[in-house]
């Protein structure tokens, strides 16, 4: 969701060298970003605590002297890291005591989509009118194998499909599509995905790719696909930013703030029948199992997928 900001930054500062900081784990996507500077990879394990943040910031300072440091997250750690970098101007949103480490801090527009929040930070700093920006990764030249990608996972249980719901949805996809299905995920998701596959009535033409791909390999797999069905999680954003038709199932989380940004390549499905929707909790405190996902209609989901590709 930072790509729109980066595109706007390039327009405001033509010819500037733009470097980025990314958390270890998602840094594999940086080669697909529209940037021309350094890739600084941050790991809490390698740089623990305040001392680690300071060391990381000083490492940035030794690498290059930066004029501007934009803190897109509104975390204390990002502001402290900016301060340690010694950048001349450090720009971010006001929150708690982080403003002490910033040279320019602004109130955040809470109601906006995260992409727009980031771009709005640049608007406030430059005092320029900046239009909305596309959120697109660099195009991958890969053959279209027409596979279907399905992601049933999320780090938060309130965003993860319950096993029996995943089985119903995948079985319905198998009835309507002849293409091979790839179930994706990280290493931590492999056992869960395998549990779902083992309980499927029909196991042909389906593969558990969870934990078997790097982030770059996952992007290639997605780029060659016909359509992606995903929970509200990272792969949905990757698919959407690669211009792949993407159907996103929302449980917890607010689609107006964090849905994949490119409306032309996405369809959002939410149950919309529970008084608790939408919540932002990582665990469903009312039902244990997220009923907002459990009660989704598998035929509606598959019909939405069919409509997107025809």
C-alpha atoms as a PDB file:
ATOM      1  CA  UNK A   1       0.000   0.000   0.000  1.00  0.00           C
ATOM      2  CA  UNK A   2       3.057   2.268  -0.094  1.00  0.00           C
ATOM      3  CA  UNK A   3       3.419   2.116  -3.884  1.00  0.00           C
ATOM      4  CA  UNK A   4       0.974   4.948  -4.511  1.00  0.00           C
ATOM      5  CA  UNK A   5       3.023   7.137  -2.165  1.00  0.00           C
ATOM      6  CA  UNK A   6       6.252   6.211  -3.965  1.00  0.00           C
ATOM      7  CA  UNK A   7       4.728   7.073  -7.341  1.00  0.00           C
ATOM      8  CA  UNK A   8       3.580  10.439  -5.984  1.00  0.00           C
ATOM      9  CA  UNK A   9       7.010  11.030  -4.443  1.00  0.00           C
ATOM     10  CA  UNK A  10       8.683  10.486  -7.828  1.00  0.00           C
ATOM     11  CA  UNK A  11       6.363  13.077  -9.364  1.00  0.00           C
ATOM     12  CA  UNK A  12       7.063  15.643  -6.635  1.00  0.00           C
ATOM     13  CA  UNK A  13      10.838  15.092  -6.664  1.00  0.00           C
ATOM     14  CA  UNK A  14      11.835  14.211 -10.240  1.00  0.00           C
ATOM     15  CA  UNK A  15      15.305  12.730 -10.395  1.00  0.00           C
ATOM     16  CA  UNK A  16      15.491  11.980  -6.676  1.00  0.00           C
ATOM     17  CA  UNK A  17      17.027   8.737  -5.456  1.00  0.00           C
ATOM     18  CA  UNK A  18      14.385   6.888  -3.437  1.00  0.00           C
ATOM     19  CA  UNK A  19      15.406   4.208  -0.936  1.00  0.00           C
ATOM     20  CA  UNK A  20      13.044   2.113   1.166  1.00  0.00           C
ATOM     21  CA  UNK A  21      12.982   0.251   4.465  1.00  0.00           C
ATOM     22  CA  UNK A  22      11.068  -3.028   4.502  1.00  0.00           C
ATOM     23  CA  UNK A  23      10.543  -5.665   7.147  1.00  0.00           C
ATOM     24  CA  UNK A  24      12.423  -8.886   6.613  1.00  0.00           C
ATOM     25  CA  UNK A  25      10.004 -11.362   5.098  1.00  0.00           C
ATOM     26  CA  UNK A  26       8.310  -8.992   2.668  1.00  0.00           C
ATOM     27  CA  UNK A  27      11.560  -7.601   1.258  1.00  0.00           C
ATOM     28  CA  UNK A  28      11.400 -10.148  -1.577  1.00  0.00           C
ATOM     29  CA  UNK A  29       8.918  -7.878  -3.364  1.00  0.00           C
ATOM     30  CA  UNK A  30      11.192  -4.839  -3.448  1.00  0.00           C
ATOM     31  CA  UNK A  31      12.595  -5.701  -6.876  1.00  0.00           C
ATOM     32  CA  UNK A  32       9.070  -5.123  -8.195  1.00  0.00           C
ATOM     33  CA  UNK A  33       8.808  -1.658  -6.626  1.00  0.00           C
ATOM     34  CA  UNK A  34       9.299   1.562  -8.657  1.00  0.00           C
ATOM     35  CA  UNK A  35      12.407   2.622  -6.710  1.00  0.00           C
ATOM     36  CA  UNK A  36      16.028   3.308  -7.638  1.00  0.00           C
ATOM     37  CA  UNK A  37      17.890   3.463  -4.320  1.00  0.00           C
ATOM     38  CA  UNK A  38      18.871   1.232  -1.413  1.00  0.00           C
ATOM     39  CA  UNK A  39      16.867  -1.622   0.056  1.00  0.00           C
ATOM     40  CA  UNK A  40      17.216  -1.475   3.842  1.00  0.00           C
ATOM     41  CA  UNK A  41      15.901  -4.688   5.394  1.00  0.00           C
ATOM     42  CA  UNK A  42      14.816  -4.483   9.037  1.00  0.00           C
ATOM     43  CA  UNK A  43      14.510  -7.467  11.351  1.00  0.00           C
ATOM     44  CA  UNK A  44      13.482  -7.161  15.004  1.00  0.00           C
ATOM     45  CA  UNK A  45      15.479 -10.306  15.706  1.00  0.00           C
ATOM     46  CA  UNK A  46      18.668  -8.815  14.283  1.00  0.00           C
ATOM     47  CA  UNK A  47      18.011  -5.317  15.682  1.00  0.00           C
ATOM     48  CA  UNK A  48      16.125  -5.842  18.963  1.00  0.00           C
ATOM     49  CA  UNK A  49      14.749  -3.063  21.168  1.00  0.00           C
ATOM     50  CA  UNK A  50      15.625   0.630  21.189  1.00  0.00           C
ATOM     51  CA  UNK A  51      19.308  -0.127  20.844  1.00  0.00           C
ATOM     52  CA  UNK A  52      18.585  -2.167  17.719  1.00  0.00           C
ATOM     53  CA  UNK A  53      16.502   0.641  16.234  1.00  0.00           C
ATOM     54  CA  UNK A  54      19.308   3.085  16.934  1.00  0.00           C
ATOM     55  CA  UNK A  55      21.902   0.789  15.371  1.00  0.00           C
ATOM     56  CA  UNK A  56      19.740   0.294  12.300  1.00  0.00           C
ATOM     57  CA  UNK A  57      19.232   4.035  11.908  1.00  0.00           C
ATOM     58  CA  UNK A  58      22.959   4.687  12.268  1.00  0.00           C
ATOM     59  CA  UNK A  59      23.639   2.016   9.639  1.00  0.00           C
ATOM     60  CA  UNK A  60      21.386   3.975   7.268  1.00  0.00           C
ATOM     61  CA  UNK A  61      23.298   7.156   8.150  1.00  0.00           C
ATOM     62  CA  UNK A  62      26.634   5.513   7.344  1.00  0.00           C
ATOM     63  CA  UNK A  63      25.300   4.231   4.039  1.00  0.00           C
ATOM     64  CA  UNK A  64      24.035   7.598   2.813  1.00  0.00           C
ATOM     65  CA  UNK A  65      23.058  11.045   4.126  1.00  0.00           C
ATOM     66  CA  UNK A  66      19.367  11.468   3.403  1.00  0.00           C
ATOM     67  CA  UNK A  67      17.516  14.743   2.942  1.00  0.00           C
ATOM     68  CA  UNK A  68      14.012  13.433   3.599  1.00  0.00           C
ATOM     69  CA  UNK A  69      12.783  10.515   5.694  1.00  0.00           C
ATOM     70  CA  UNK A  70       9.061   9.727   5.405  1.00  0.00           C
ATOM     71  CA  UNK A  71       7.607   7.542   8.193  1.00  0.00           C
ATOM     72  CA  UNK A  72       4.562   5.897   6.651  1.00  0.00           C
ATOM     73  CA  UNK A  73       3.696   3.725   9.688  1.00  0.00           C
ATOM     74  CA  UNK A  74       2.569   5.728  12.704  1.00  0.00           C
ATOM     75  CA  UNK A  75       4.675   3.588  15.050  1.00  0.00           C
ATOM     76  CA  UNK A  76       7.125   4.879  17.637  1.00  0.00           C
ATOM     77  CA  UNK A  77       9.839   2.644  16.191  1.00  0.00           C
ATOM     78  CA  UNK A  78       9.694   4.190  12.713  1.00  0.00           C
ATOM     79  CA  UNK A  79      10.042   7.728  14.105  1.00  0.00           C
ATOM     80  CA  UNK A  80      12.933   6.727  16.374  1.00  0.00           C
ATOM     81  CA  UNK A  81      14.611   4.980  13.453  1.00  0.00           C
ATOM     82  CA  UNK A  82      14.214   8.152  11.378  1.00  0.00           C
ATOM     83  CA  UNK A  83      15.832  10.213  14.134  1.00  0.00           C
ATOM     84  CA  UNK A  84      18.748   7.790  14.351  1.00  0.00           C
ATOM     85  CA  UNK A  85      19.272   8.033  10.584  1.00  0.00           C
ATOM     86  CA  UNK A  86      20.148  11.715  10.917  1.00  0.00           C
ATOM     87  CA  UNK A  87      17.984  12.663   7.943  1.00  0.00           C
ATOM     88  CA  UNK A  88      17.609  16.455   7.634  1.00  0.00           C
ATOM     89  CA  UNK A  89      13.799  16.391   7.519  1.00  0.00           C
ATOM     90  CA  UNK A  90      11.794  13.607   9.119  1.00  0.00           C
ATOM     91  CA  UNK A  91       8.108  13.533   8.218  1.00  0.00           C
ATOM     92  CA  UNK A  92       5.296  11.493   9.735  1.00  0.00           C
ATOM     93  CA  UNK A  93       1.941  11.439  11.441  1.00  0.00           C
ATOM     94  CA  UNK A  94       1.410  12.694  14.981  1.00  0.00           C
ATOM     95  CA  UNK A  95       0.937  10.002  17.599  1.00  0.00           C
ATOM     96  CA  UNK A  96       1.929   9.862  21.268  1.00  0.00           C
ATOM     97  CA  UNK A  97       5.547  10.990  21.735  1.00  0.00           C
ATOM     98  CA  UNK A  98       6.836  10.138  18.266  1.00  0.00           C
ATOM     99  CA  UNK A  99       6.594  13.782  17.212  1.00  0.00           C
ATOM    100  CA  UNK A 100       9.687  14.428  19.355  1.00  0.00           C
ATOM    101  CA  UNK A 101      11.748  12.568  16.751  1.00  0.00           C
ATOM    102  CA  UNK A 102      10.163  14.193  13.707  1.00  0.00           C
ATOM    103  CA  UNK A 103      10.854  17.606  12.208  1.00  0.00           C
ATOM    104  CA  UNK A 104       7.423  17.692  10.544  1.00  0.00           C
ATOM    105  CA  UNK A 105       4.369  15.930  11.996  1.00  0.00           C
ATOM    106  CA  UNK A 106       0.762  16.084  10.852  1.00  0.00           C
ATOM    107  CA  UNK A 107      -2.639  14.774  11.990  1.00  0.00           C
ATOM    108  CA  UNK A 108      -3.766  11.629  10.170  1.00  0.00           C
ATOM    109  CA  UNK A 109      -7.020  11.336   8.232  1.00  0.00           C
ATOM    110  CA  UNK A 110      -8.546   8.345  10.035  1.00  0.00           C
ATOM    111  CA  UNK A 111     -11.381   7.723   7.569  1.00  0.00           C
ATOM    112  CA  UNK A 112      -9.196   7.355   4.477  1.00  0.00           C
ATOM    113  CA  UNK A 113      -7.901   4.194   2.852  1.00  0.00           C
ATOM    114  CA  UNK A 114      -4.346   3.396   3.919  1.00  0.00           C
ATOM    115  CA  UNK A 115      -3.053   4.156   0.410  1.00  0.00           C
ATOM    116  CA  UNK A 116      -4.634   7.615   0.586  1.00  0.00           C
ATOM    117  CA  UNK A 117      -3.346   8.160   4.142  1.00  0.00           C
ATOM    118  CA  UNK A 118       0.194   7.668   2.898  1.00  0.00           C
ATOM    119  CA  UNK A 119      -0.249   9.975  -0.103  1.00  0.00           C
ATOM    120  CA  UNK A 120      -1.942  12.543   2.122  1.00  0.00           C
ATOM    121  CA  UNK A 121       1.204  12.732   4.242  1.00  0.00           C
ATOM    122  CA  UNK A 122       3.057  13.908   1.137  1.00  0.00           C
ATOM    123  CA  UNK A 123       0.279  16.392   0.336  1.00  0.00           C
ATOM    124  CA  UNK A 124       0.545  17.923   3.803  1.00  0.00           C
ATOM    125  CA  UNK A 125       4.322  18.148   3.694  1.00  0.00           C
ATOM    126  CA  UNK A 126       4.598  19.630   0.183  1.00  0.00           C
ATOM    127  CA  UNK A 127       1.342  21.622   0.444  1.00  0.00           C
ATOM    128  CA  UNK A 128       0.653  20.539  -3.115  1.00  0.00           C
ATOM    129  CA  UNK A 129      -2.489  19.038  -4.605  1.00  0.00           C
ATOM    130  CA  UNK A 130      -1.518  15.454  -5.437  1.00  0.00           C
ATOM    131  CA  UNK A 131      -3.946  13.154  -7.279  1.00  0.00           C
ATOM    132  CA  UNK A 132      -4.579   9.552  -6.315  1.00  0.00           C
ATOM    133  CA  UNK A 133      -2.013   7.135  -7.700  1.00  0.00           C
ATOM    134  CA  UNK A 134      -2.086   3.629  -9.179  1.00  0.00           C
ATOM    135  CA  UNK A 135      -0.861   0.823  -6.944  1.00  0.00           C
ATOM    136  CA  UNK A 136       0.957  -1.447  -9.369  1.00  0.00           C
ATOM    137  CA  UNK A 137       4.005  -3.657  -9.090  1.00  0.00           C
ATOM    138  CA  UNK A 138       6.345  -3.994 -12.056  1.00  0.00           C
ATOM    139  CA  UNK A 139       4.911  -6.310 -14.695  1.00  0.00           C
ATOM    140  CA  UNK A 140       6.270  -9.855 -14.586  1.00  0.00           C
ATOM    141  CA  UNK A 141       6.846 -11.476 -17.971  1.00  0.00           C
ATOM    142  CA  UNK A 142       5.571 -14.953 -17.184  1.00  0.00           C
ATOM    143  CA  UNK A 143       3.453 -17.354 -19.237  1.00  0.00           C
ATOM    144  CA  UNK A 144      -0.247 -17.437 -18.420  1.00  0.00           C
ATOM    145  CA  UNK A 145      -0.783 -20.977 -17.157  1.00  0.00           C
ATOM    146  CA  UNK A 146      -4.401 -20.183 -16.299  1.00  0.00           C
ATOM    147  CA  UNK A 147      -4.145 -21.712 -12.826  1.00  0.00           C
ATOM    148  CA  UNK A 148      -6.437 -20.552 -10.035  1.00  0.00           C
ATOM    149  CA  UNK A 149      -4.850 -19.348  -6.800  1.00  0.00           C
ATOM    150  CA  UNK A 150      -6.702 -19.788  -3.520  1.00  0.00           C
ATOM    151  CA  UNK A 151      -5.543 -18.356  -0.212  1.00  0.00           C
ATOM    152  CA  UNK A 152      -7.576 -19.458   2.819  1.00  0.00           C
ATOM    153  CA  UNK A 153      -5.063 -18.183   5.373  1.00  0.00           C
ATOM    154  CA  UNK A 154      -4.351 -15.139   7.487  1.00  0.00           C
ATOM    155  CA  UNK A 155      -2.153 -14.510  10.509  1.00  0.00           C
ATOM    156  CA  UNK A 156      -5.306 -13.520  12.416  1.00  0.00           C
ATOM    157  CA  UNK A 157      -7.853 -16.291  13.036  1.00  0.00           C
ATOM    158  CA  UNK A 158     -10.642 -13.739  12.549  1.00  0.00           C
ATOM    159  CA  UNK A 159      -9.540 -13.398   8.909  1.00  0.00           C
ATOM    160  CA  UNK A 160      -8.832 -17.096   8.222  1.00  0.00           C
ATOM    161  CA  UNK A 161     -11.450 -19.342   6.621  1.00  0.00           C
ATOM    162  CA  UNK A 162     -12.720 -22.085   8.962  1.00  0.00           C
ATOM    163  CA  UNK A 163     -11.846 -25.565   7.665  1.00  0.00           C
ATOM    164  CA  UNK A 164     -15.404 -26.601   6.768  1.00  0.00           C
ATOM    165  CA  UNK A 165     -16.028 -23.270   5.014  1.00  0.00           C
ATOM    166  CA  UNK A 166     -12.819 -23.593   2.999  1.00  0.00           C
ATOM    167  CA  UNK A 167     -13.837 -27.121   1.954  1.00  0.00           C
ATOM    168  CA  UNK A 168     -17.251 -25.926   0.737  1.00  0.00           C
ATOM    169  CA  UNK A 169     -15.755 -23.058  -1.253  1.00  0.00           C
ATOM    170  CA  UNK A 170     -12.970 -25.105  -2.837  1.00  0.00           C
ATOM    171  CA  UNK A 171     -15.374 -27.920  -3.727  1.00  0.00           C
ATOM    172  CA  UNK A 172     -17.637 -25.393  -5.453  1.00  0.00           C
ATOM    173  CA  UNK A 173     -14.665 -23.980  -7.388  1.00  0.00           C
ATOM    174  CA  UNK A 174     -13.782 -27.496  -8.533  1.00  0.00           C
ATOM    175  CA  UNK A 175     -17.318 -27.961  -9.883  1.00  0.00           C
ATOM    176  CA  UNK A 176     -17.213 -24.760 -11.944  1.00  0.00           C
ATOM    177  CA  UNK A 177     -13.572 -24.543 -13.052  1.00  0.00           C
ATOM    178  CA  UNK A 178     -11.373 -27.074 -14.843  1.00  0.00           C
ATOM    179  CA  UNK A 179      -8.111 -25.269 -14.108  1.00  0.00           C
ATOM    180  CA  UNK A 180      -5.571 -26.513 -11.587  1.00  0.00           C
ATOM    181  CA  UNK A 181      -5.925 -25.029  -8.108  1.00  0.00           C
ATOM    182  CA  UNK A 182      -2.948 -23.885  -6.062  1.00  0.00           C
ATOM    183  CA  UNK A 183      -3.528 -23.344  -2.358  1.00  0.00           C
ATOM    184  CA  UNK A 184      -0.901 -20.888  -1.171  1.00  0.00           C
ATOM    185  CA  UNK A 185       0.465 -19.719   2.168  1.00  0.00           C
ATOM    186  CA  UNK A 186       3.554 -19.495   4.297  1.00  0.00           C
ATOM    187  CA  UNK A 187       5.415 -22.266   6.084  1.00  0.00           C
ATOM    188  CA  UNK A 188       3.195 -21.788   9.146  1.00  0.00           C
ATOM    189  CA  UNK A 189       0.086 -22.324   6.979  1.00  0.00           C
ATOM    190  CA  UNK A 190       1.169 -25.604   5.343  1.00  0.00           C
ATOM    191  CA  UNK A 191      -0.360 -27.947   7.947  1.00  0.00           C
ATOM    192  CA  UNK A 192      -3.669 -26.053   7.944  1.00  0.00           C
ATOM    193  CA  UNK A 193      -3.864 -26.092   4.153  1.00  0.00           C
ATOM    194  CA  UNK A 194      -3.009 -29.794   4.133  1.00  0.00           C
ATOM    195  CA  UNK A 195      -5.803 -30.458   6.634  1.00  0.00           C
ATOM    196  CA  UNK A 196      -8.284 -28.802   4.268  1.00  0.00           C
ATOM    197  CA  UNK A 197      -7.005 -30.716   1.227  1.00  0.00           C
ATOM    198  CA  UNK A 198      -7.164 -34.041   3.071  1.00  0.00           C
ATOM    199  CA  UNK A 199     -10.863 -33.461   3.826  1.00  0.00           C
ATOM    200  CA  UNK A 200     -11.820 -32.493   0.274  1.00  0.00           C
ATOM    201  CA  UNK A 201     -14.147 -34.994  -1.421  1.00  0.00           C
ATOM    202  CA  UNK A 202     -12.204 -34.464  -4.672  1.00  0.00           C
ATOM    203  CA  UNK A 203      -8.416 -34.169  -4.439  1.00  0.00           C
ATOM    204  CA  UNK A 204      -7.440 -34.193  -8.110  1.00  0.00           C
ATOM    205  CA  UNK A 205      -5.949 -31.165  -9.857  1.00  0.00           C
ATOM    206  CA  UNK A 206      -5.095 -29.379  -6.608  1.00  0.00           C
ATOM    207  CA  UNK A 207      -1.721 -28.610  -5.052  1.00  0.00           C
ATOM    208  CA  UNK A 208      -0.621 -27.419  -1.631  1.00  0.00           C
ATOM    209  CA  UNK A 209       1.948 -24.719  -2.414  1.00  0.00           C
ATOM    210  CA  UNK A 210       1.951 -23.342   1.144  1.00  0.00           C
ATOM    211  CA  UNK A 211       5.493 -22.987   2.429  1.00  0.00           C
ATOM    212  CA  UNK A 212       6.966 -24.131  -0.886  1.00  0.00           C
ATOM    213  CA  UNK A 213       7.547 -20.766  -2.539  1.00  0.00           C
ATOM    214  CA  UNK A 214       9.625 -17.720  -1.789  1.00  0.00           C
ATOM    215  CA  UNK A 215       7.834 -14.399  -2.008  1.00  0.00           C
ATOM    216  CA  UNK A 216       9.302 -13.837  -5.478  1.00  0.00           C
ATOM    217  CA  UNK A 217       8.156 -17.294  -6.604  1.00  0.00           C
ATOM    218  CA  UNK A 218       4.698 -16.649  -5.176  1.00  0.00           C
ATOM    219  CA  UNK A 219       4.488 -13.401  -7.163  1.00  0.00           C
ATOM    220  CA  UNK A 220       5.410 -15.312 -10.330  1.00  0.00           C
ATOM    221  CA  UNK A 221       2.783 -17.979  -9.582  1.00  0.00           C
ATOM    222  CA  UNK A 222       0.158 -15.284  -9.032  1.00  0.00           C
ATOM    223  CA  UNK A 223       1.190 -13.344 -12.152  1.00  0.00           C
ATOM    224  CA  UNK A 224       0.580 -16.428 -14.287  1.00  0.00           C
ATOM    225  CA  UNK A 225      -2.846 -17.141 -12.841  1.00  0.00           C
ATOM    226  CA  UNK A 226      -6.326 -16.623 -14.242  1.00  0.00           C
ATOM    227  CA  UNK A 227      -7.864 -15.380 -10.997  1.00  0.00           C
ATOM    228  CA  UNK A 228      -7.073 -15.238  -7.279  1.00  0.00           C
ATOM    229  CA  UNK A 229      -9.462 -15.907  -4.407  1.00  0.00           C
ATOM    230  CA  UNK A 230      -8.084 -14.757  -1.071  1.00  0.00           C
ATOM    231  CA  UNK A 231      -8.895 -13.757   2.445  1.00  0.00           C
ATOM    232  CA  UNK A 232      -7.964 -10.234   3.534  1.00  0.00           C
ATOM    233  CA  UNK A 233      -4.211 -10.792   3.556  1.00  0.00           C
ATOM    234  CA  UNK A 234      -0.979 -10.024   1.733  1.00  0.00           C
ATOM    235  CA  UNK A 235      -1.447 -12.250  -1.342  1.00  0.00           C
ATOM    236  CA  UNK A 236      -4.664 -10.408  -2.221  1.00  0.00           C
ATOM    237  CA  UNK A 237      -2.719  -7.133  -2.362  1.00  0.00           C
ATOM    238  CA  UNK A 238       0.060  -8.708  -4.434  1.00  0.00           C
ATOM    239  CA  UNK A 239      -2.433 -10.124  -6.938  1.00  0.00           C
ATOM    240  CA  UNK A 240      -4.312  -6.831  -7.183  1.00  0.00           C
ATOM    241  CA  UNK A 241      -1.067  -4.888  -7.710  1.00  0.00           C
ATOM    242  CA  UNK A 242      -0.114  -7.347 -10.486  1.00  0.00           C
ATOM    243  CA  UNK A 243      -3.427  -6.575 -12.263  1.00  0.00           C
ATOM    244  CA  UNK A 244      -4.798 -10.090 -11.663  1.00  0.00           C
ATOM    245  CA  UNK A 245      -8.571 -10.400 -11.061  1.00  0.00           C
ATOM    246  CA  UNK A 246      -8.896 -10.834  -7.309  1.00  0.00           C
ATOM    247  CA  UNK A 247     -11.872 -11.796  -5.163  1.00  0.00           C
ATOM    248  CA  UNK A 248     -11.326 -10.858  -1.518  1.00  0.00           C
ATOM    249  CA  UNK A 249     -13.272 -12.376   1.374  1.00  0.00           C
ATOM    250  CA  UNK A 250     -13.566  -9.983   4.288  1.00  0.00           C
ATOM    251  CA  UNK A 251     -14.152 -11.101   7.867  1.00  0.00           C
ATOM    252  CA  UNK A 252     -12.469  -8.879  10.408  1.00  0.00           C
ATOM    253  CA  UNK A 253     -10.941  -5.741   8.969  1.00  0.00           C
ATOM    254  CA  UNK A 254     -12.468  -2.756   7.233  1.00  0.00           C
ATOM    255  CA  UNK A 255     -12.446  -2.984   3.439  1.00  0.00           C
ATOM    256  CA  UNK A 256     -12.815   0.795   3.150  1.00  0.00           C
ATOM    257  CA  UNK A 257      -9.412   1.189   4.819  1.00  0.00           C
ATOM    258  CA  UNK A 258      -7.352  -1.836   3.831  1.00  0.00           C
ATOM    259  CA  UNK A 259      -8.845  -3.580   0.784  1.00  0.00           C
ATOM    260  CA  UNK A 260      -6.632  -4.089  -2.273  1.00  0.00           C
ATOM    261  CA  UNK A 261      -6.655  -0.642  -3.824  1.00  0.00           C
ATOM    262  CA  UNK A 262      -7.276  -1.115  -7.549  1.00  0.00           C
ATOM    263  CA  UNK A 263     -11.064  -1.407  -7.823  1.00  0.00           C
ATOM    264  CA  UNK A 264     -10.972  -2.472 -11.469  1.00  0.00           C
ATOM    265  CA  UNK A 265      -9.146  -5.713 -10.589  1.00  0.00           C
ATOM    266  CA  UNK A 266     -11.039  -6.662  -7.428  1.00  0.00           C
ATOM    267  CA  UNK A 267     -14.352  -7.816  -6.043  1.00  0.00           C
ATOM    268  CA  UNK A 268     -15.015  -7.682  -2.312  1.00  0.00           C
ATOM    269  CA  UNK A 269     -17.352 -10.101  -0.578  1.00  0.00           C
ATOM    270  CA  UNK A 270     -18.590  -9.534   2.940  1.00  0.00           C
ATOM    271  CA  UNK A 271     -21.424 -11.305   4.737  1.00  0.00           C
ATOM    272  CA  UNK A 272     -22.829  -8.014   6.044  1.00  0.00           C
ATOM    273  CA  UNK A 273     -25.501  -9.636   8.228  1.00  0.00           C
ATOM    274  CA  UNK A 274     -23.938  -9.476  11.689  1.00  0.00           C
ATOM    275  CA  UNK A 275     -24.137  -6.469  14.000  1.00  0.00           C
ATOM    276  CA  UNK A 276     -20.457  -6.876  14.868  1.00  0.00           C
ATOM    277  CA  UNK A 277     -19.295  -6.320  11.281  1.00  0.00           C
ATOM    278  CA  UNK A 278     -16.781  -5.039  10.593  1.00  0.00           C
ATOM    279  CA  UNK A 279     -14.498  -5.499  13.578  1.00  0.00           C
ATOM    280  CA  UNK A 280     -10.726  -5.206  13.705  1.00  0.00           C
ATOM    281  CA  UNK A 281     -10.033  -7.915  16.275  1.00  0.00           C
ATOM    282  CA  UNK A 282      -7.521 -10.666  15.532  1.00  0.00           C
ATOM    283  CA  UNK A 283      -9.697 -13.227  17.333  1.00  0.00           C
ATOM    284  CA  UNK A 284     -13.497 -13.481  17.148  1.00  0.00           C
ATOM    285  CA  UNK A 285     -14.502 -12.723  20.735  1.00  0.00           C
ATOM    286  CA  UNK A 286     -18.241 -13.279  20.178  1.00  0.00           C
ATOM    287  CA  UNK A 287     -18.329 -16.647  18.440  1.00  0.00           C
ATOM    288  CA  UNK A 288     -14.807 -18.093  18.671  1.00  0.00           C
ATOM    289  CA  UNK A 289     -15.002 -19.014  14.994  1.00  0.00           C
ATOM    290  CA  UNK A 290     -15.484 -15.992  12.698  1.00  0.00           C
ATOM    291  CA  UNK A 291     -19.123 -16.342  11.641  1.00  0.00           C
ATOM    292  CA  UNK A 292     -18.702 -13.476   9.178  1.00  0.00           C
ATOM    293  CA  UNK A 293     -16.544 -15.900   7.139  1.00  0.00           C
ATOM    294  CA  UNK A 294     -18.192 -19.146   8.191  1.00  0.00           C
ATOM    295  CA  UNK A 295     -21.598 -18.115   6.790  1.00  0.00           C
ATOM    296  CA  UNK A 296     -20.373 -16.937   3.384  1.00  0.00           C
ATOM    297  CA  UNK A 297     -22.233 -18.428   0.411  1.00  0.00           C
ATOM    298  CA  UNK A 298     -19.845 -20.538  -1.664  1.00  0.00           C
ATOM    299  CA  UNK A 299     -22.059 -20.238  -4.771  1.00  0.00           C
ATOM    300  CA  UNK A 300     -22.003 -16.444  -4.559  1.00  0.00           C
ATOM    301  CA  UNK A 301     -18.213 -16.557  -4.270  1.00  0.00           C
ATOM    302  CA  UNK A 302     -17.765 -18.780  -7.318  1.00  0.00           C
ATOM    303  CA  UNK A 303     -20.307 -16.820  -9.366  1.00  0.00           C
ATOM    304  CA  UNK A 304     -18.371 -13.655  -8.538  1.00  0.00           C
ATOM    305  CA  UNK A 305     -15.183 -15.338  -9.738  1.00  0.00           C
ATOM    306  CA  UNK A 306     -16.859 -16.404 -12.982  1.00  0.00           C
ATOM    307  CA  UNK A 307     -18.222 -12.891 -13.570  1.00  0.00           C
ATOM    308  CA  UNK A 308     -14.752 -11.368 -13.178  1.00  0.00           C
ATOM    309  CA  UNK A 309     -13.145 -13.458 -15.914  1.00  0.00           C
ATOM    310  CA  UNK A 310     -15.977 -13.518 -18.466  1.00  0.00           C
END
